[in-house]
Amino acid sequence: MNRIETEKLENFFYSLQYTQAPLLLLDYDGTLADFRIDRFQARPWAGVRELLALIQKDGRTRLTVITGRPAGEVNTMLQLPEPVEVWGLHGAERLFADGRRELQEAPPEALAKLDELREQLRRDAFGGLFEDKPNAAVMHWRGHPQRQAHRIEQKTRELFDAAAQVSGLSLLEFEAGVELRVGRDKGGAVESIIEQAGPDSPVTYLGDDLTDESAFCAINRSKNPHLSVLMRRTWRDTAAEVWLQPPEELRWFLREWEKALNGSGETARCFPEVDEIRLRA
């Protein structure tokens, strides 16, 4: 943890002590839970559910998950005492805590092209894992041997690159996969949430993948007290202001959040669990 990162954490947690409605925005896969080939096996890391439940019980934090998953999957995976608001499909879908659901409208020509690709990939997914979303066609090659993964990626990109020329469609890169999609991204979701919250609410976003970069950029542009956090075991280039490693530092972050809200003890200056893990230049 270098000096700049420590200062950013200190300043952000300090801002929580003087607000009634901070925003805790979280990715799910890779951030709250480890990746699984079968995504329904991706349960939160030990202790994370309990810490989120404490924050939720306090009642002041707007706890929101922003994920590439369909929004309806997340509360089942989290199993918190109360449902949380979820922006699914990388932001194109919004599931309110009370169960209401909104799906962003898409151009008819984009939806027609997606239907065409879905039918093609159901017949032949090049050996990869095809995922069908309401607003996207997704191909994964995670877990395959390098040579096979390269072949799947090459064939997928040939197909998706041509389709992305259709108005309204765009490619979304992520680790070991690519998504051809329509609708807002995670950055758009973050901007909408901040706009609704107002200018005084501290806001943070924790994410791990390339798809989270638009959210980090949206956080960094905010005039609210803010912090963007890359929550990932290994470093990569990122727009995030701070890098933390799950699950230990995720649990630390959530504990510090709860402590800061209640004004108990110093925040971010004491980082014993993290210091034992690694020191960064």
C-alpha atoms as a PDB file:
ATOM      1  CA  MET A   1       0.000   0.000   0.000  1.00  0.00           C
ATOM      2  CA  ASN A   2       1.737   3.161  -1.111  1.00  0.00           C
ATOM      3  CA  ARG A   3       1.316   6.582   0.478  1.00  0.00           C
ATOM      4  CA  ILE A   4      -1.050   7.941  -2.189  1.00  0.00           C
ATOM      5  CA  GLU A   5      -3.354   4.935  -1.956  1.00  0.00           C
ATOM      6  CA  THR A   6      -3.372   5.121   1.841  1.00  0.00           C
ATOM      7  CA  GLU A   7      -4.248   8.814   1.758  1.00  0.00           C
ATOM      8  CA  LYS A   8      -7.089   8.203  -0.688  1.00  0.00           C
ATOM      9  CA  LEU A   9      -8.513   5.512   1.574  1.00  0.00           C
ATOM     10  CA  GLU A  10      -8.151   7.697   4.670  1.00  0.00           C
ATOM     11  CA  ASN A  11      -9.855  10.651   3.026  1.00  0.00           C
ATOM     12  CA  PHE A  12     -12.677   8.567   1.644  1.00  0.00           C
ATOM     13  CA  PHE A  13     -13.460   6.756   4.876  1.00  0.00           C
ATOM     14  CA  TYR A  14     -13.296  10.088   6.698  1.00  0.00           C
ATOM     15  CA  SER A  15     -15.998  11.442   4.352  1.00  0.00           C
ATOM     16  CA  LEU A  16     -18.320   8.601   5.395  1.00  0.00           C
ATOM     17  CA  GLN A  17     -18.479   9.938   8.940  1.00  0.00           C
ATOM     18  CA  TYR A  18     -20.382  13.015   7.816  1.00  0.00           C
ATOM     19  CA  THR A  19     -23.044  11.603   5.538  1.00  0.00           C
ATOM     20  CA  GLN A  20     -26.339   9.785   5.838  1.00  0.00           C
ATOM     21  CA  ALA A  21     -26.477   8.205   2.391  1.00  0.00           C
ATOM     22  CA  PRO A  22     -23.145   6.906   1.025  1.00  0.00           C
ATOM     23  CA  LEU A  23     -23.116   4.740  -2.114  1.00  0.00           C
ATOM     24  CA  LEU A  24     -21.405   1.347  -1.997  1.00  0.00           C
ATOM     25  CA  LEU A  25     -21.382   0.025  -5.573  1.00  0.00           C
ATOM     26  CA  LEU A  26     -20.028  -3.467  -6.148  1.00  0.00           C
ATOM     27  CA  ASP A  27     -19.336  -5.835  -8.990  1.00  0.00           C
ATOM     28  CA  TYR A  28     -20.148  -9.476  -8.184  1.00  0.00           C
ATOM     29  CA  ASP A  29     -18.005 -12.078  -9.994  1.00  0.00           C
ATOM     30  CA  GLY A  30     -14.320 -11.665  -9.193  1.00  0.00           C
ATOM     31  CA  THR A  31     -15.089  -8.950  -6.619  1.00  0.00           C
ATOM     32  CA  LEU A  32     -17.501 -10.401  -4.070  1.00  0.00           C
ATOM     33  CA  ALA A  33     -16.998 -13.986  -5.186  1.00  0.00           C
ATOM     34  CA  ASP A  34     -14.336 -15.965  -6.994  1.00  0.00           C
ATOM     35  CA  PHE A  35     -14.916 -16.919 -10.615  1.00  0.00           C
ATOM     36  CA  ARG A  36     -16.461 -20.296 -11.394  1.00  0.00           C
ATOM     37  CA  ILE A  37     -16.951 -21.939 -14.785  1.00  0.00           C
ATOM     38  CA  ASP A  38     -20.448 -22.707 -13.515  1.00  0.00           C
ATOM     39  CA  ARG A  39     -21.434 -19.201 -12.440  1.00  0.00           C
ATOM     40  CA  PHE A  40     -24.137 -20.505 -10.109  1.00  0.00           C
ATOM     41  CA  GLN A  41     -21.381 -21.953  -7.925  1.00  0.00           C
ATOM     42  CA  ALA A  42     -19.826 -18.495  -7.392  1.00  0.00           C
ATOM     43  CA  ARG A  43     -20.744 -17.787  -3.774  1.00  0.00           C
ATOM     44  CA  PRO A  44     -19.398 -14.803  -1.798  1.00  0.00           C
ATOM     45  CA  TRP A  45     -16.070 -15.290  -0.070  1.00  0.00           C
ATOM     46  CA  ALA A  46     -16.202 -16.323   3.579  1.00  0.00           C
ATOM     47  CA  GLY A  47     -17.262 -13.476   5.841  1.00  0.00           C
ATOM     48  CA  VAL A  48     -18.352 -11.139   3.041  1.00  0.00           C
ATOM     49  CA  ARG A  49     -22.066 -11.887   3.336  1.00  0.00           C
ATOM     50  CA  GLU A  50     -21.979 -11.207   7.076  1.00  0.00           C
ATOM     51  CA  LEU A  51     -20.187  -7.888   6.633  1.00  0.00           C
ATOM     52  CA  LEU A  52     -22.601  -6.761   3.921  1.00  0.00           C
ATOM     53  CA  ALA A  53     -25.490  -7.736   6.195  1.00  0.00           C
ATOM     54  CA  LEU A  54     -24.059  -5.480   8.943  1.00  0.00           C
ATOM     55  CA  ILE A  55     -23.804  -2.561   6.527  1.00  0.00           C
ATOM     56  CA  GLN A  56     -27.310  -3.247   5.290  1.00  0.00           C
ATOM     57  CA  LYS A  57     -28.682  -3.418   8.838  1.00  0.00           C
ATOM     58  CA  ASP A  58     -27.254   0.028   9.628  1.00  0.00           C
ATOM     59  CA  GLY A  59     -29.673   1.379   7.018  1.00  0.00           C
ATOM     60  CA  ARG A  60     -27.698   4.382   5.784  1.00  0.00           C
ATOM     61  CA  THR A  61     -25.732   2.892   2.880  1.00  0.00           C
ATOM     62  CA  ARG A  62     -27.207   2.554  -0.592  1.00  0.00           C
ATOM     63  CA  LEU A  63     -25.833  -0.904  -1.387  1.00  0.00           C
ATOM     64  CA  THR A  64     -25.983  -1.700  -5.102  1.00  0.00           C
ATOM     65  CA  VAL A  65     -24.527  -4.467  -7.254  1.00  0.00           C
ATOM     66  CA  ILE A  66     -23.588  -3.697 -10.873  1.00  0.00           C
ATOM     67  CA  THR A  67     -22.925  -6.902 -12.776  1.00  0.00           C
ATOM     68  CA  GLY A  68     -22.759  -8.536 -16.157  1.00  0.00           C
ATOM     69  CA  ARG A  69     -25.161 -11.198 -14.908  1.00  0.00           C
ATOM     70  CA  PRO A  70     -28.906 -10.976 -15.390  1.00  0.00           C
ATOM     71  CA  ALA A  71     -30.015  -8.944 -12.386  1.00  0.00           C
ATOM     72  CA  GLY A  72     -32.349 -11.626 -11.052  1.00  0.00           C
ATOM     73  CA  GLU A  73     -29.462 -13.965 -10.196  1.00  0.00           C
ATOM     74  CA  VAL A  74     -27.650 -11.762  -7.698  1.00  0.00           C
ATOM     75  CA  ASN A  75     -29.883 -11.647  -4.631  1.00  0.00           C
ATOM     76  CA  THR A  76     -30.209 -15.429  -4.768  1.00  0.00           C
ATOM     77  CA  MET A  77     -26.418 -15.676  -4.676  1.00  0.00           C
ATOM     78  CA  LEU A  78     -25.925 -13.028  -1.964  1.00  0.00           C
ATOM     79  CA  GLN A  79     -28.692 -14.236   0.374  1.00  0.00           C
ATOM     80  CA  LEU A  80     -28.678 -11.049   2.424  1.00  0.00           C
ATOM     81  CA  PRO A  81     -31.464 -10.321   4.935  1.00  0.00           C
ATOM     82  CA  GLU A  82     -33.037  -7.858   2.464  1.00  0.00           C
ATOM     83  CA  PRO A  83     -32.769  -7.730  -1.349  1.00  0.00           C
ATOM     84  CA  VAL A  84     -30.420  -5.120  -2.785  1.00  0.00           C
ATOM     85  CA  GLU A  85     -30.776  -3.044  -5.917  1.00  0.00           C
ATOM     86  CA  VAL A  86     -29.039  -4.690  -8.887  1.00  0.00           C
ATOM     87  CA  TRP A  87     -28.039  -3.234 -12.231  1.00  0.00           C
ATOM     88  CA  GLY A  88     -27.634  -6.296 -14.432  1.00  0.00           C
ATOM     89  CA  LEU A  89     -26.419  -6.962 -17.975  1.00  0.00           C
ATOM     90  CA  HIS A  90     -23.584  -4.460 -17.368  1.00  0.00           C
ATOM     91  CA  GLY A  91     -26.128  -1.725 -16.651  1.00  0.00           C
ATOM     92  CA  ALA A  92     -28.826  -2.299 -19.276  1.00  0.00           C
ATOM     93  CA  GLU A  93     -31.184  -3.865 -16.715  1.00  0.00           C
ATOM     94  CA  ARG A  94     -32.259  -2.438 -13.372  1.00  0.00           C
ATOM     95  CA  LEU A  95     -33.838  -4.529 -10.624  1.00  0.00           C
ATOM     96  CA  PHE A  96     -35.125  -2.436  -7.733  1.00  0.00           C
ATOM     97  CA  ALA A  97     -34.976  -3.766  -4.195  1.00  0.00           C
ATOM     98  CA  ASP A  98     -38.779  -3.999  -4.200  1.00  0.00           C
ATOM     99  CA  GLY A  99     -38.721  -6.324  -7.221  1.00  0.00           C
ATOM    100  CA  ARG A 100     -39.586  -3.852  -9.984  1.00  0.00           C
ATOM    101  CA  ARG A 101     -37.545  -4.390 -13.146  1.00  0.00           C
ATOM    102  CA  GLU A 102     -36.575  -2.105 -16.017  1.00  0.00           C
ATOM    103  CA  LEU A 103     -34.850  -3.219 -19.218  1.00  0.00           C
ATOM    104  CA  GLN A 104     -33.370  -0.559 -21.448  1.00  0.00           C
ATOM    105  CA  GLU A 105     -34.987  -0.434 -24.878  1.00  0.00           C
ATOM    106  CA  ALA A 106     -32.861  -1.421 -27.874  1.00  0.00           C
ATOM    107  CA  PRO A 107     -33.007  -0.632 -31.617  1.00  0.00           C
ATOM    108  CA  PRO A 108     -34.968  -3.305 -33.533  1.00  0.00           C
ATOM    109  CA  GLU A 109     -32.133  -3.870 -36.021  1.00  0.00           C
ATOM    110  CA  ALA A 110     -29.691  -4.590 -33.185  1.00  0.00           C
ATOM    111  CA  LEU A 111     -32.074  -7.091 -31.600  1.00  0.00           C
ATOM    112  CA  ALA A 112     -32.633  -8.787 -34.968  1.00  0.00           C
ATOM    113  CA  LYS A 113     -28.876  -9.225 -35.460  1.00  0.00           C
ATOM    114  CA  LEU A 114     -28.530 -10.640 -31.948  1.00  0.00           C
ATOM    115  CA  ASP A 115     -31.311 -13.144 -32.651  1.00  0.00           C
ATOM    116  CA  GLU A 116     -29.488 -14.218 -35.807  1.00  0.00           C
ATOM    117  CA  LEU A 117     -26.232 -14.744 -33.898  1.00  0.00           C
ATOM    118  CA  ARG A 118     -27.934 -16.591 -31.072  1.00  0.00           C
ATOM    119  CA  GLU A 119     -29.379 -19.108 -33.504  1.00  0.00           C
ATOM    120  CA  GLN A 120     -25.988 -19.585 -35.150  1.00  0.00           C
ATOM    121  CA  LEU A 121     -24.122 -20.019 -31.848  1.00  0.00           C
ATOM    122  CA  ARG A 122     -26.657 -22.490 -30.495  1.00  0.00           C
ATOM    123  CA  ARG A 123     -25.792 -24.687 -33.464  1.00  0.00           C
ATOM    124  CA  ASP A 124     -22.032 -24.154 -33.246  1.00  0.00           C
ATOM    125  CA  ALA A 125     -20.254 -22.316 -30.414  1.00  0.00           C
ATOM    126  CA  PHE A 126     -16.780 -23.251 -31.715  1.00  0.00           C
ATOM    127  CA  GLY A 127     -16.193 -25.347 -28.589  1.00  0.00           C
ATOM    128  CA  GLY A 128     -16.628 -22.349 -26.277  1.00  0.00           C
ATOM    129  CA  LEU A 129     -19.405 -21.516 -23.823  1.00  0.00           C
ATOM    130  CA  PHE A 130     -22.192 -19.475 -25.385  1.00  0.00           C
ATOM    131  CA  GLU A 131     -24.217 -17.354 -22.975  1.00  0.00           C
ATOM    132  CA  ASP A 132     -27.513 -15.917 -24.143  1.00  0.00           C
ATOM    133  CA  LYS A 133     -28.549 -12.626 -22.510  1.00  0.00           C
ATOM    134  CA  PRO A 134     -31.631 -10.507 -23.265  1.00  0.00           C
ATOM    135  CA  ASN A 135     -29.399  -7.763 -24.676  1.00  0.00           C
ATOM    136  CA  ALA A 136     -26.320  -9.697 -25.752  1.00  0.00           C
ATOM    137  CA  ALA A 137     -24.605 -12.736 -27.183  1.00  0.00           C
ATOM    138  CA  VAL A 138     -21.615 -13.778 -25.093  1.00  0.00           C
ATOM    139  CA  MET A 139     -18.777 -16.205 -25.761  1.00  0.00           C
ATOM    140  CA  HIS A 140     -16.452 -17.524 -23.050  1.00  0.00           C
ATOM    141  CA  TRP A 141     -13.222 -19.474 -23.434  1.00  0.00           C
ATOM    142  CA  ARG A 142     -12.126 -19.485 -19.791  1.00  0.00           C
ATOM    143  CA  GLY A 143     -10.723 -22.837 -18.681  1.00  0.00           C
ATOM    144  CA  HIS A 144      -9.815 -24.116 -22.149  1.00  0.00           C
ATOM    145  CA  PRO A 145      -6.244 -25.043 -23.129  1.00  0.00           C
ATOM    146  CA  GLN A 146      -4.405 -22.120 -24.699  1.00  0.00           C
ATOM    147  CA  ARG A 147      -4.507 -23.432 -28.263  1.00  0.00           C
ATOM    148  CA  GLN A 148      -8.224 -24.198 -28.124  1.00  0.00           C
ATOM    149  CA  ALA A 149      -8.996 -20.900 -26.412  1.00  0.00           C
ATOM    150  CA  HIS A 150      -7.161 -19.036 -29.161  1.00  0.00           C
ATOM    151  CA  ARG A 151      -9.183 -20.835 -31.832  1.00  0.00           C
ATOM    152  CA  ILE A 152     -12.483 -20.054 -30.072  1.00  0.00           C
ATOM    153  CA  GLU A 153     -11.489 -16.418 -29.656  1.00  0.00           C
ATOM    154  CA  GLN A 154     -10.427 -16.047 -33.287  1.00  0.00           C
ATOM    155  CA  LYS A 155     -13.661 -17.499 -34.684  1.00  0.00           C
ATOM    156  CA  THR A 156     -15.798 -15.512 -32.249  1.00  0.00           C
ATOM    157  CA  ARG A 157     -14.128 -12.231 -33.122  1.00  0.00           C
ATOM    158  CA  GLU A 158     -14.572 -12.833 -36.845  1.00  0.00           C
ATOM    159  CA  LEU A 159     -18.282 -13.297 -36.258  1.00  0.00           C
ATOM    160  CA  PHE A 160     -18.769 -10.510 -33.711  1.00  0.00           C
ATOM    161  CA  ASP A 161     -16.610  -7.883 -35.425  1.00  0.00           C
ATOM    162  CA  ALA A 162     -18.806  -7.999 -38.508  1.00  0.00           C
ATOM    163  CA  ALA A 163     -22.027  -7.903 -36.464  1.00  0.00           C
ATOM    164  CA  ALA A 164     -20.787  -4.932 -34.411  1.00  0.00           C
ATOM    165  CA  GLN A 165     -21.170  -2.744 -37.493  1.00  0.00           C
ATOM    166  CA  VAL A 166     -24.942  -2.827 -36.967  1.00  0.00           C
ATOM    167  CA  SER A 167     -26.167   0.388 -35.350  1.00  0.00           C
ATOM    168  CA  GLY A 168     -26.615   0.077 -31.595  1.00  0.00           C
ATOM    169  CA  LEU A 169     -24.354  -2.952 -31.142  1.00  0.00           C
ATOM    170  CA  SER A 170     -20.923  -2.806 -29.525  1.00  0.00           C
ATOM    171  CA  LEU A 171     -18.239  -5.199 -28.357  1.00  0.00           C
ATOM    172  CA  LEU A 172     -17.453  -5.514 -24.660  1.00  0.00           C
ATOM    173  CA  GLU A 173     -14.134  -7.138 -23.826  1.00  0.00           C
ATOM    174  CA  PHE A 174     -13.647  -9.128 -20.644  1.00  0.00           C
ATOM    175  CA  GLU A 175     -11.142 -11.688 -19.448  1.00  0.00           C
ATOM    176  CA  ALA A 176     -11.430 -14.897 -21.486  1.00  0.00           C
ATOM    177  CA  GLY A 177     -14.433 -13.729 -23.435  1.00  0.00           C
ATOM    178  CA  VAL A 178     -16.223 -11.115 -25.481  1.00  0.00           C
ATOM    179  CA  GLU A 179     -19.786  -9.838 -25.531  1.00  0.00           C
ATOM    180  CA  LEU A 180     -21.728  -8.361 -28.423  1.00  0.00           C
ATOM    181  CA  ARG A 181     -24.340  -6.198 -26.770  1.00  0.00           C
ATOM    182  CA  VAL A 182     -26.701  -3.277 -26.832  1.00  0.00           C
ATOM    183  CA  GLY A 183     -27.424  -0.831 -24.006  1.00  0.00           C
ATOM    184  CA  ARG A 184     -25.640   1.195 -21.338  1.00  0.00           C
ATOM    185  CA  ASP A 185     -22.452  -0.083 -19.746  1.00  0.00           C
ATOM    186  CA  LYS A 186     -21.407  -0.077 -16.093  1.00  0.00           C
ATOM    187  CA  GLY A 187     -20.184   3.497 -16.402  1.00  0.00           C
ATOM    188  CA  GLY A 188     -23.643   4.586 -17.509  1.00  0.00           C
ATOM    189  CA  ALA A 189     -25.167   2.777 -14.538  1.00  0.00           C
ATOM    190  CA  VAL A 190     -22.782   4.510 -12.126  1.00  0.00           C
ATOM    191  CA  GLU A 191     -23.551   7.917 -13.621  1.00  0.00           C
ATOM    192  CA  SER A 192     -27.305   7.327 -13.262  1.00  0.00           C
ATOM    193  CA  ILE A 193     -26.956   6.242  -9.640  1.00  0.00           C
ATOM    194  CA  ILE A 194     -24.795   9.248  -8.706  1.00  0.00           C
ATOM    195  CA  GLU A 195     -27.161  11.645 -10.451  1.00  0.00           C
ATOM    196  CA  GLN A 196     -30.110  10.274  -8.471  1.00  0.00           C
ATOM    197  CA  ALA A 197     -28.180  10.436  -5.194  1.00  0.00           C
ATOM    198  CA  GLY A 198     -27.155  14.059  -5.377  1.00  0.00           C
ATOM    199  CA  PRO A 199     -23.819  15.885  -5.031  1.00  0.00           C
ATOM    200  CA  ASP A 200     -22.962  15.218  -1.381  1.00  0.00           C
ATOM    201  CA  SER A 201     -23.086  11.421  -1.195  1.00  0.00           C
ATOM    202  CA  PRO A 202     -19.692   9.690  -1.037  1.00  0.00           C
ATOM    203  CA  VAL A 203     -19.495   6.968  -3.676  1.00  0.00           C
ATOM    204  CA  THR A 204     -17.186   4.039  -4.302  1.00  0.00           C
ATOM    205  CA  TYR A 205     -17.104   1.280  -6.871  1.00  0.00           C
ATOM    206  CA  LEU A 206     -15.276  -2.036  -6.413  1.00  0.00           C
ATOM    207  CA  GLY A 207     -14.616  -4.156  -9.491  1.00  0.00           C
ATOM    208  CA  ASP A 208     -12.029  -6.443 -11.041  1.00  0.00           C
ATOM    209  CA  ASP A 209     -12.508  -6.953 -14.776  1.00  0.00           C
ATOM    210  CA  LEU A 210     -12.028  -4.921 -17.937  1.00  0.00           C
ATOM    211  CA  THR A 211     -15.783  -4.372 -17.980  1.00  0.00           C
ATOM    212  CA  ASP A 212     -15.400  -2.387 -14.733  1.00  0.00           C
ATOM    213  CA  GLU A 213     -13.125   0.227 -16.279  1.00  0.00           C
ATOM    214  CA  SER A 214     -16.034   2.365 -17.498  1.00  0.00           C
ATOM    215  CA  ALA A 215     -17.375   2.358 -13.920  1.00  0.00           C
ATOM    216  CA  PHE A 216     -13.982   3.411 -12.527  1.00  0.00           C
ATOM    217  CA  CYS A 217     -13.847   6.280 -15.024  1.00  0.00           C
ATOM    218  CA  ALA A 218     -17.368   7.394 -14.084  1.00  0.00           C
ATOM    219  CA  ILE A 219     -16.423   7.355 -10.387  1.00  0.00           C
ATOM    220  CA  ASN A 220     -13.246   9.324 -11.062  1.00  0.00           C
ATOM    221  CA  ARG A 221     -15.202  12.024 -12.924  1.00  0.00           C
ATOM    222  CA  SER A 222     -17.679  12.456 -10.081  1.00  0.00           C
ATOM    223  CA  LYS A 223     -17.662  15.673  -8.049  1.00  0.00           C
ATOM    224  CA  ASN A 224     -18.883  13.675  -5.050  1.00  0.00           C
ATOM    225  CA  PRO A 225     -16.354  12.371  -2.528  1.00  0.00           C
ATOM    226  CA  HIS A 226     -15.317   9.223  -4.371  1.00  0.00           C
ATOM    227  CA  LEU A 227     -13.012   6.215  -4.569  1.00  0.00           C
ATOM    228  CA  SER A 228     -12.511   3.673  -7.374  1.00  0.00           C
ATOM    229  CA  VAL A 229     -11.091   0.317  -6.276  1.00  0.00           C
ATOM    230  CA  LEU A 230      -9.588  -2.478  -8.358  1.00  0.00           C
ATOM    231  CA  MET A 231     -10.413  -5.579  -6.303  1.00  0.00           C
ATOM    232  CA  ARG A 232      -8.210  -8.208  -7.891  1.00  0.00           C
ATOM    233  CA  ARG A 233      -5.561 -10.717  -6.834  1.00  0.00           C
ATOM    234  CA  THR A 234      -3.073  -9.671  -9.533  1.00  0.00           C
ATOM    235  CA  TRP A 235      -2.250  -6.178 -10.795  1.00  0.00           C
ATOM    236  CA  ARG A 236      -3.239  -4.918 -14.224  1.00  0.00           C
ATOM    237  CA  ASP A 237      -3.347  -1.481 -15.800  1.00  0.00           C
ATOM    238  CA  THR A 238      -6.474   0.292 -14.620  1.00  0.00           C
ATOM    239  CA  ALA A 239      -8.190   3.637 -14.131  1.00  0.00           C
ATOM    240  CA  ALA A 240      -8.943   2.679 -10.502  1.00  0.00           C
ATOM    241  CA  GLU A 241      -7.336   4.839  -7.817  1.00  0.00           C
ATOM    242  CA  VAL A 242      -6.599   2.004  -5.390  1.00  0.00           C
ATOM    243  CA  TRP A 243      -5.723  -1.680  -5.785  1.00  0.00           C
ATOM    244  CA  LEU A 244      -6.844  -4.166  -3.126  1.00  0.00           C
ATOM    245  CA  GLN A 245      -6.647  -7.962  -3.152  1.00  0.00           C
ATOM    246  CA  PRO A 246      -9.588 -10.195  -2.279  1.00  0.00           C
ATOM    247  CA  PRO A 247     -10.701 -11.782  -0.128  1.00  0.00           C
ATOM    248  CA  GLU A 248      -8.670 -10.439   2.820  1.00  0.00           C
ATOM    249  CA  GLU A 249      -8.630  -6.822   1.736  1.00  0.00           C
ATOM    250  CA  LEU A 250     -12.259  -6.931   0.641  1.00  0.00           C
ATOM    251  CA  ARG A 251     -13.232  -7.985   4.166  1.00  0.00           C
ATOM    252  CA  TRP A 252     -10.979  -5.235   5.550  1.00  0.00           C
ATOM    253  CA  PHE A 253     -12.634  -2.632   3.319  1.00  0.00           C
ATOM    254  CA  LEU A 254     -16.148  -3.640   4.387  1.00  0.00           C
ATOM    255  CA  ARG A 255     -15.185  -3.623   8.063  1.00  0.00           C
ATOM    256  CA  GLU A 256     -13.683  -0.141   7.685  1.00  0.00           C
ATOM    257  CA  TRP A 257     -16.852   1.037   5.939  1.00  0.00           C
ATOM    258  CA  GLU A 258     -19.002  -0.080   8.852  1.00  0.00           C
ATOM    259  CA  LYS A 259     -16.581   1.419  11.408  1.00  0.00           C
ATOM    260  CA  ALA A 260     -16.438   4.746   9.564  1.00  0.00           C
ATOM    261  CA  LEU A 261     -20.214   5.055   9.498  1.00  0.00           C
ATOM    262  CA  ASN A 262     -20.306   4.581  13.234  1.00  0.00           C
ATOM    263  CA  GLY A 263     -17.304   6.788  13.961  1.00  0.00           C
ATOM    264  CA  SER A 264     -15.501   4.005  15.806  1.00  0.00           C
ATOM    265  CA  GLY A 265     -11.712   4.201  15.701  1.00  0.00           C
ATOM    266  CA  GLU A 266      -9.321   5.448  13.074  1.00  0.00           C
ATOM    267  CA  THR A 267      -9.873   4.335   9.527  1.00  0.00           C
ATOM    268  CA  ALA A 268      -7.347   3.271   6.925  1.00  0.00           C
ATOM    269  CA  ARG A 269      -4.339   4.234   9.091  1.00  0.00           C
ATOM    270  CA  CYS A 270      -4.347   0.800  10.650  1.00  0.00           C
ATOM    271  CA  PHE A 271      -3.924  -1.767   7.925  1.00  0.00           C
ATOM    272  CA  PRO A 272      -2.429  -4.779   9.765  1.00  0.00           C
ATOM    273  CA  GLU A 273      -4.094  -7.516   7.756  1.00  0.00           C
ATOM    274  CA  VAL A 274      -3.043  -5.963   4.467  1.00  0.00           C
ATOM    275  CA  ASP A 275       0.518  -5.156   5.548  1.00  0.00           C
ATOM    276  CA  GLU A 276       1.098  -8.822   6.322  1.00  0.00           C
ATOM    277  CA  ILE A 277       0.006  -9.805   2.805  1.00  0.00           C
ATOM    278  CA  ARG A 278       2.217  -7.534   0.716  1.00  0.00           C
ATOM    279  CA  LEU A 279       3.867  -4.172   0.468  1.00  0.00           C
ATOM    280  CA  ARG A 280       3.714  -2.179  -2.750  1.00  0.00           C
ATOM    281  CA  ALA A 281       6.235   0.362  -3.958  1.00  0.00           C
END
